[in-house]
Amino acid sequence: MIIELSPEGHEGQFFGLFSMSGRLSAVLGPFIYGTITWVFSDYGPLASRMAILSLFVMALIAFILHFRVIKEVDKNKFEL
């Protein structure tokens, strides 16, 4: 999908962006989880449930955005 979305000759830049976003999410996800758990630590086990819910909401938003990109690619694929 990255090759289909990237302009000719810029594939390396798009793969670099993909790699960097993966590394950023590997740091940002645990940071958000830990911060929410720490902020709501007075609520006991509810704090970790709220943190998991926040990560689920972010994943759901990403899933919706990816579906929009796939529809755009499919729509443009059949245009001549």
N, C-alpha and C. Protein backbone atom coordinates (compact mmCIF):
# COMPACT_ATOMS: atom_id res chain seq x y z
N MET A 1 0.82 -1.19 0.00
CA MET A 1 0.00 0.00 0.00
C MET A 1 0.87 1.26 0.00
N ILE A 2 2.03 1.20 0.64
CA ILE A 2 2.90 2.37 0.67
C ILE A 2 3.40 2.69 -0.74
N ILE A 3 3.72 1.66 -1.49
CA ILE A 3 4.21 1.88 -2.85
C ILE A 3 3.11 2.48 -3.73
N GLU A 4 1.88 2.04 -3.55
CA GLU A 4 0.78 2.58 -4.34
C GLU A 4 0.49 4.04 -4.00
N LEU A 5 0.69 4.43 -2.75
CA LEU A 5 0.39 5.80 -2.33
C LEU A 5 1.54 6.77 -2.56
N SER A 6 2.76 6.26 -2.66
CA SER A 6 3.90 7.14 -2.78
C SER A 6 4.13 7.55 -4.24
N PRO A 7 4.53 8.80 -4.45
CA PRO A 7 4.83 9.25 -5.81
C PRO A 7 6.09 8.57 -6.35
N GLU A 8 6.20 8.53 -7.64
CA GLU A 8 7.35 7.90 -8.30
C GLU A 8 8.65 8.55 -7.84
N GLY A 9 9.58 7.74 -7.39
CA GLY A 9 10.88 8.24 -6.96
C GLY A 9 10.96 8.65 -5.51
N HIS A 10 9.85 8.61 -4.78
CA HIS A 10 9.83 9.01 -3.37
C HIS A 10 9.47 7.85 -2.46
N GLU A 11 9.64 6.64 -2.93
CA GLU A 11 9.26 5.47 -2.13
C GLU A 11 10.08 5.37 -0.86
N GLY A 12 11.37 5.68 -0.94
CA GLY A 12 12.25 5.62 0.24
C GLY A 12 11.81 6.56 1.34
N GLN A 13 11.39 7.76 0.95
CA GLN A 13 10.92 8.73 1.94
C GLN A 13 9.65 8.24 2.63
N PHE A 14 8.76 7.61 1.87
CA PHE A 14 7.52 7.13 2.45
C PHE A 14 7.76 5.93 3.36
N PHE A 15 8.70 5.04 2.98
CA PHE A 15 9.03 3.93 3.87
C PHE A 15 9.70 4.44 5.14
N GLY A 16 10.52 5.49 5.03
CA GLY A 16 11.12 6.10 6.21
C GLY A 16 10.08 6.69 7.14
N LEU A 17 9.09 7.37 6.55
CA LEU A 17 8.00 7.93 7.34
C LEU A 17 7.21 6.83 8.02
N PHE A 18 6.97 5.73 7.31
CA PHE A 18 6.26 4.59 7.89
C PHE A 18 7.04 4.00 9.06
N SER A 19 8.35 3.86 8.89
CA SER A 19 9.19 3.32 9.97
C SER A 19 9.21 4.25 11.17
N MET A 20 9.31 5.54 10.91
CA MET A 20 9.35 6.50 12.01
C MET A 20 8.02 6.54 12.76
N SER A 21 6.92 6.43 12.04
CA SER A 21 5.62 6.44 12.72
C SER A 21 5.45 5.19 13.57
N GLY A 22 6.00 4.06 13.12
CA GLY A 22 5.95 2.84 13.93
C GLY A 22 6.74 2.98 15.22
N ARG A 23 7.91 3.59 15.11
CA ARG A 23 8.73 3.79 16.31
C ARG A 23 8.10 4.81 17.26
N LEU A 24 7.49 5.83 16.68
CA LEU A 24 6.83 6.83 17.52
C LEU A 24 5.66 6.21 18.27
N SER A 25 4.89 5.36 17.59
CA SER A 25 3.76 4.74 18.28
C SER A 25 4.23 3.74 19.34
N ALA A 26 5.40 3.15 19.14
CA ALA A 26 5.94 2.23 20.15
C ALA A 26 6.32 2.98 21.43
N VAL A 27 6.61 4.25 21.32
CA VAL A 27 6.94 5.07 22.49
C VAL A 27 5.69 5.77 23.02
N LEU A 28 4.89 6.30 22.11
CA LEU A 28 3.73 7.09 22.50
C LEU A 28 2.64 6.26 23.18
N GLY A 29 2.39 5.05 22.70
CA GLY A 29 1.36 4.20 23.29
C GLY A 29 1.61 3.90 24.77
N PRO A 30 2.79 3.35 25.10
CA PRO A 30 3.06 3.11 26.53
C PRO A 30 3.10 4.38 27.36
N PHE A 31 3.56 5.49 26.75
CA PHE A 31 3.57 6.75 27.48
C PHE A 31 2.16 7.19 27.84
N ILE A 32 1.25 7.12 26.88
CA ILE A 32 -0.14 7.50 27.13
C ILE A 32 -0.77 6.56 28.16
N TYR A 33 -0.51 5.26 28.00
CA TYR A 33 -1.05 4.29 28.95
C TYR A 33 -0.56 4.59 30.36
N GLY A 34 0.73 4.80 30.51
CA GLY A 34 1.30 5.08 31.82
C GLY A 34 0.82 6.38 32.42
N THR A 35 0.70 7.41 31.58
CA THR A 35 0.23 8.70 32.07
C THR A 35 -1.21 8.63 32.56
N ILE A 36 -2.07 7.98 31.79
CA ILE A 36 -3.48 7.86 32.21
C ILE A 36 -3.59 7.02 33.47
N THR A 37 -2.81 5.95 33.55
CA THR A 37 -2.83 5.12 34.75
C THR A 37 -2.34 5.91 35.97
N TRP A 38 -1.30 6.71 35.78
CA TRP A 38 -0.75 7.50 36.88
C TRP A 38 -1.73 8.59 37.33
N VAL A 39 -2.35 9.28 36.34
CA VAL A 39 -3.27 10.37 36.67
C VAL A 39 -4.48 9.86 37.43
N PHE A 40 -4.99 8.70 37.02
CA PHE A 40 -6.19 8.15 37.65
C PHE A 40 -5.87 7.02 38.63
N SER A 41 -4.69 7.04 39.21
CA SER A 41 -4.28 5.97 40.12
C SER A 41 -5.14 5.91 41.39
N ASP A 42 -5.77 7.00 41.74
CA ASP A 42 -6.64 7.00 42.92
C ASP A 42 -7.88 6.13 42.73
N TYR A 43 -8.22 5.83 41.49
CA TYR A 43 -9.41 5.03 41.20
C TYR A 43 -9.14 3.53 41.21
N GLY A 44 -7.93 3.12 41.46
CA GLY A 44 -7.58 1.69 41.55
C GLY A 44 -7.56 1.02 40.19
N PRO A 45 -8.19 -0.15 40.08
CA PRO A 45 -8.15 -0.90 38.82
C PRO A 45 -8.86 -0.18 37.66
N LEU A 46 -9.70 0.77 37.99
CA LEU A 46 -10.39 1.52 36.95
C LEU A 46 -9.40 2.34 36.11
N ALA A 47 -8.28 2.72 36.69
CA ALA A 47 -7.29 3.53 35.98
C ALA A 47 -6.72 2.77 34.78
N SER A 48 -6.36 1.51 34.98
CA SER A 48 -5.81 0.74 33.85
C SER A 48 -6.87 0.44 32.81
N ARG A 49 -8.10 0.29 33.24
CA ARG A 49 -9.19 0.08 32.27
C ARG A 49 -9.41 1.32 31.42
N MET A 50 -9.32 2.50 32.04
CA MET A 50 -9.46 3.74 31.28
C MET A 50 -8.30 3.91 30.31
N ALA A 51 -7.10 3.50 30.72
CA ALA A 51 -5.94 3.60 29.83
C ALA A 51 -6.09 2.67 28.63
N ILE A 52 -6.54 1.45 28.86
CA ILE A 52 -6.78 0.51 27.75
C ILE A 52 -7.86 1.06 26.83
N LEU A 53 -8.91 1.64 27.40
CA LEU A 53 -9.98 2.21 26.59
C LEU A 53 -9.47 3.35 25.72
N SER A 54 -8.58 4.17 26.25
CA SER A 54 -8.03 5.28 25.46
C SER A 54 -7.22 4.75 24.28
N LEU A 55 -6.44 3.69 24.48
CA LEU A 55 -5.68 3.10 23.38
C LEU A 55 -6.61 2.46 22.36
N PHE A 56 -7.71 1.87 22.84
CA PHE A 56 -8.69 1.28 21.93
C PHE A 56 -9.34 2.36 21.07
N VAL A 57 -9.66 3.49 21.67
CA VAL A 57 -10.27 4.60 20.93
C VAL A 57 -9.30 5.11 19.86
N MET A 58 -8.03 5.25 20.20
CA MET A 58 -7.04 5.70 19.21
C MET A 58 -6.89 4.69 18.07
N ALA A 59 -6.91 3.40 18.39
CA ALA A 59 -6.84 2.38 17.36
C ALA A 59 -8.07 2.41 16.46
N LEU A 60 -9.22 2.66 17.03
CA LEU A 60 -10.46 2.75 16.25
C LEU A 60 -10.41 3.94 15.30
N ILE A 61 -9.90 5.07 15.76
CA ILE A 61 -9.75 6.24 14.91
C ILE A 61 -8.79 5.96 13.76
N ALA A 62 -7.68 5.29 14.05
CA ALA A 62 -6.73 4.92 13.01
C ALA A 62 -7.35 3.97 12.00
N PHE A 63 -8.15 3.03 12.47
CA PHE A 63 -8.83 2.07 11.60
C PHE A 63 -9.78 2.80 10.64
N ILE A 64 -10.53 3.76 11.15
CA ILE A 64 -11.45 4.53 10.32
C ILE A 64 -10.68 5.35 9.28
N LEU A 65 -9.59 5.97 9.69
CA LEU A 65 -8.78 6.75 8.75
C LEU A 65 -8.18 5.87 7.66
N HIS A 66 -7.75 4.67 8.01
CA HIS A 66 -7.19 3.76 7.01
C HIS A 66 -8.26 3.32 6.01
N PHE A 67 -9.47 3.12 6.45
CA PHE A 67 -10.53 2.76 5.52
C PHE A 67 -10.80 3.89 4.53
N ARG A 68 -10.70 5.13 4.97
CA ARG A 68 -10.88 6.25 4.06
C ARG A 68 -9.79 6.27 3.01
N VAL A 69 -8.55 5.97 3.40
CA VAL A 69 -7.44 5.95 2.45
C VAL A 69 -7.63 4.82 1.45
N ILE A 70 -8.04 3.65 1.89
CA ILE A 70 -8.24 2.52 1.00
C ILE A 70 -9.33 2.84 -0.02
N LYS A 71 -10.42 3.48 0.40
CA LYS A 71 -11.49 3.84 -0.53
C LYS A 71 -10.99 4.83 -1.57
N GLU A 72 -10.16 5.80 -1.16
CA GLU A 72 -9.61 6.78 -2.09
C GLU A 72 -8.72 6.09 -3.12
N VAL A 73 -7.89 5.14 -2.68
CA VAL A 73 -7.00 4.43 -3.59
C VAL A 73 -7.82 3.59 -4.56
N ASP A 74 -8.82 2.89 -4.07
CA ASP A 74 -9.65 2.07 -4.95
C ASP A 74 -10.40 2.93 -5.96
N LYS A 75 -10.86 4.08 -5.54
CA LYS A 75 -11.58 4.96 -6.44
C LYS A 75 -10.67 5.48 -7.55
N ASN A 76 -9.45 5.86 -7.20
CA ASN A 76 -8.49 6.40 -8.17
C ASN A 76 -7.88 5.30 -9.02
N LYS A 77 -7.92 4.08 -8.58
CA LYS A 77 -7.30 2.97 -9.31
C LYS A 77 -8.01 2.70 -10.63
N PHE A 78 -9.30 2.95 -10.67
CA PHE A 78 -10.06 2.62 -11.86
C PHE A 78 -10.25 3.81 -12.79
N GLU A 79 -9.71 4.96 -12.45
CA GLU A 79 -9.79 6.12 -13.32
C GLU A 79 -8.68 6.03 -14.37
N LEU A 80 -9.00 6.41 -15.58
CA LEU A 80 -7.99 6.38 -16.65
C LEU A 80 -7.52 7.76 -16.99
